[in-house]
């Protein structure tokens, strides 16, 4: 799993690339504050090497709680900027700071 940030000089957004290695998985998505925790809008594309990848434009100067959903299982990003306890989920969420 990994996150790459590419800042856009002409816009107040950052292109964020989410990658999840899950060769045996059928589906993967990224859900969080930036997409109302919607799996459909956060769907990642499966590449030939078994990695799921997606690019999202997120507003700068913000932080977002998020998780991956791999075949229905919620998974944190080990390389997240930080982690935050979420009472609603009863678990820690990954945090992305831009």
Protein backbone atom coordinates (compact mmCIF):
# COMPACT_ATOMS: atom_id res chain seq x y z
CA UNK A 1 0.00 0.00 0.00
CA UNK A 2 1.15 3.49 -0.66
CA UNK A 3 0.15 7.10 -1.11
CA UNK A 4 1.78 9.60 -3.46
CA UNK A 5 0.97 13.31 -3.44
CA UNK A 6 1.47 15.55 -6.48
CA UNK A 7 0.74 19.21 -5.83
CA UNK A 8 -0.77 21.23 -8.70
CA UNK A 9 0.75 24.72 -8.91
CA UNK A 10 -2.16 26.27 -10.81
CA UNK A 11 -4.99 24.90 -8.64
CA UNK A 12 -5.67 24.56 -4.90
CA UNK A 13 -5.71 20.77 -5.19
CA UNK A 14 -3.35 17.87 -4.77
CA UNK A 15 -3.47 14.77 -6.96
CA UNK A 16 -3.32 11.83 -4.57
CA UNK A 17 -2.46 8.38 -5.91
CA UNK A 18 -3.67 5.51 -3.72
CA UNK A 19 -2.18 2.05 -4.38
CA UNK A 20 -3.10 -1.26 -2.75
CA UNK A 21 -1.32 -4.54 -3.44
CA UNK A 22 -4.03 -7.20 -3.31
CA UNK A 23 -3.40 -9.83 -5.98
CA UNK A 24 -6.05 -12.21 -4.66
CA UNK A 25 -8.72 -9.51 -4.20
CA UNK A 26 -11.60 -8.91 -6.58
CA UNK A 27 -12.39 -5.34 -5.56
CA UNK A 28 -10.73 -2.47 -3.73
CA UNK A 29 -11.71 1.11 -3.03
CA UNK A 30 -10.65 4.04 -0.90
CA UNK A 31 -13.32 5.65 1.27
CA UNK A 32 -13.09 8.68 3.50
CA UNK A 33 -14.13 12.20 4.35
CA UNK A 34 -13.36 13.32 0.80
CA UNK A 35 -16.01 11.08 -0.81
CA UNK A 36 -18.56 10.60 2.01
CA UNK A 37 -17.23 7.08 2.63
CA UNK A 38 -18.72 5.93 -0.69
CA UNK A 39 -17.11 2.76 -2.05
CA UNK A 40 -18.43 3.30 -5.57
CA UNK A 41 -16.92 6.77 -6.00
CA UNK A 42 -13.66 5.55 -4.44
CA UNK A 43 -13.30 2.44 -6.58
CA UNK A 44 -9.72 1.60 -7.52
CA UNK A 45 -8.72 0.01 -10.83
CA UNK A 46 -6.96 -3.35 -10.80
CA UNK A 47 -3.73 -3.44 -12.80
CA UNK A 48 -2.22 -6.52 -14.44
CA UNK A 49 0.30 -6.92 -11.61
CA UNK A 50 -2.52 -7.26 -9.05
CA UNK A 51 -2.19 -3.74 -7.62
CA UNK A 52 -5.28 -1.57 -7.31
CA UNK A 53 -4.69 2.11 -8.08
CA UNK A 54 -6.67 5.33 -8.26
CA UNK A 55 -6.01 9.08 -8.55
CA UNK A 56 -8.14 11.64 -6.72
CA UNK A 57 -8.00 15.45 -6.68
CA UNK A 58 -8.22 16.58 -3.05
CA UNK A 59 -8.29 20.12 -1.69
CA UNK A 60 -5.03 21.41 -0.20
CA UNK A 61 -4.65 22.59 3.39
CA UNK A 62 -6.92 19.88 4.75
CA UNK A 63 -6.75 16.50 6.45
CA UNK A 64 -8.95 13.53 5.65
CA UNK A 65 -9.78 10.34 7.53
CA UNK A 66 -9.87 7.33 5.21
CA UNK A 67 -9.60 3.55 4.88
CA UNK A 68 -9.28 1.03 2.09
CA UNK A 69 -12.01 -1.52 1.50
CA UNK A 70 -10.56 -4.71 0.04
CA UNK A 71 -13.16 -7.37 -0.74
CA UNK A 72 -15.41 -5.87 1.94
CA UNK A 73 -12.71 -5.68 4.65
CA UNK A 74 -11.67 -2.26 6.00
CA UNK A 75 -7.89 -1.79 6.05
CA UNK A 76 -5.72 1.12 7.21
CA UNK A 77 -2.85 2.56 5.18
CA UNK A 78 0.38 1.79 7.09
CA UNK A 79 2.11 4.80 5.46
CA UNK A 80 -0.65 7.27 6.47
CA UNK A 81 0.43 10.65 7.82
CA UNK A 82 -1.22 9.75 11.14
CA UNK A 83 -4.09 7.79 12.68
CA UNK A 84 -7.19 9.05 14.48
CA UNK A 85 -9.65 7.18 16.70
CA UNK A 86 -13.18 7.26 15.30
CA UNK A 87 -15.98 6.58 17.81
CA UNK A 88 -18.51 5.84 15.05
CA UNK A 89 -16.35 3.09 13.58
CA UNK A 90 -14.95 1.98 16.92
CA UNK A 91 -11.49 1.86 15.36
CA UNK A 92 -8.61 4.00 14.19
CA UNK A 93 -8.75 5.52 10.72
CA UNK A 94 -5.82 6.49 8.55
CA UNK A 95 -5.32 10.25 8.18
CA UNK A 96 -4.05 12.01 5.06
CA UNK A 97 -2.76 15.57 5.53
CA UNK A 98 -2.38 17.79 2.49
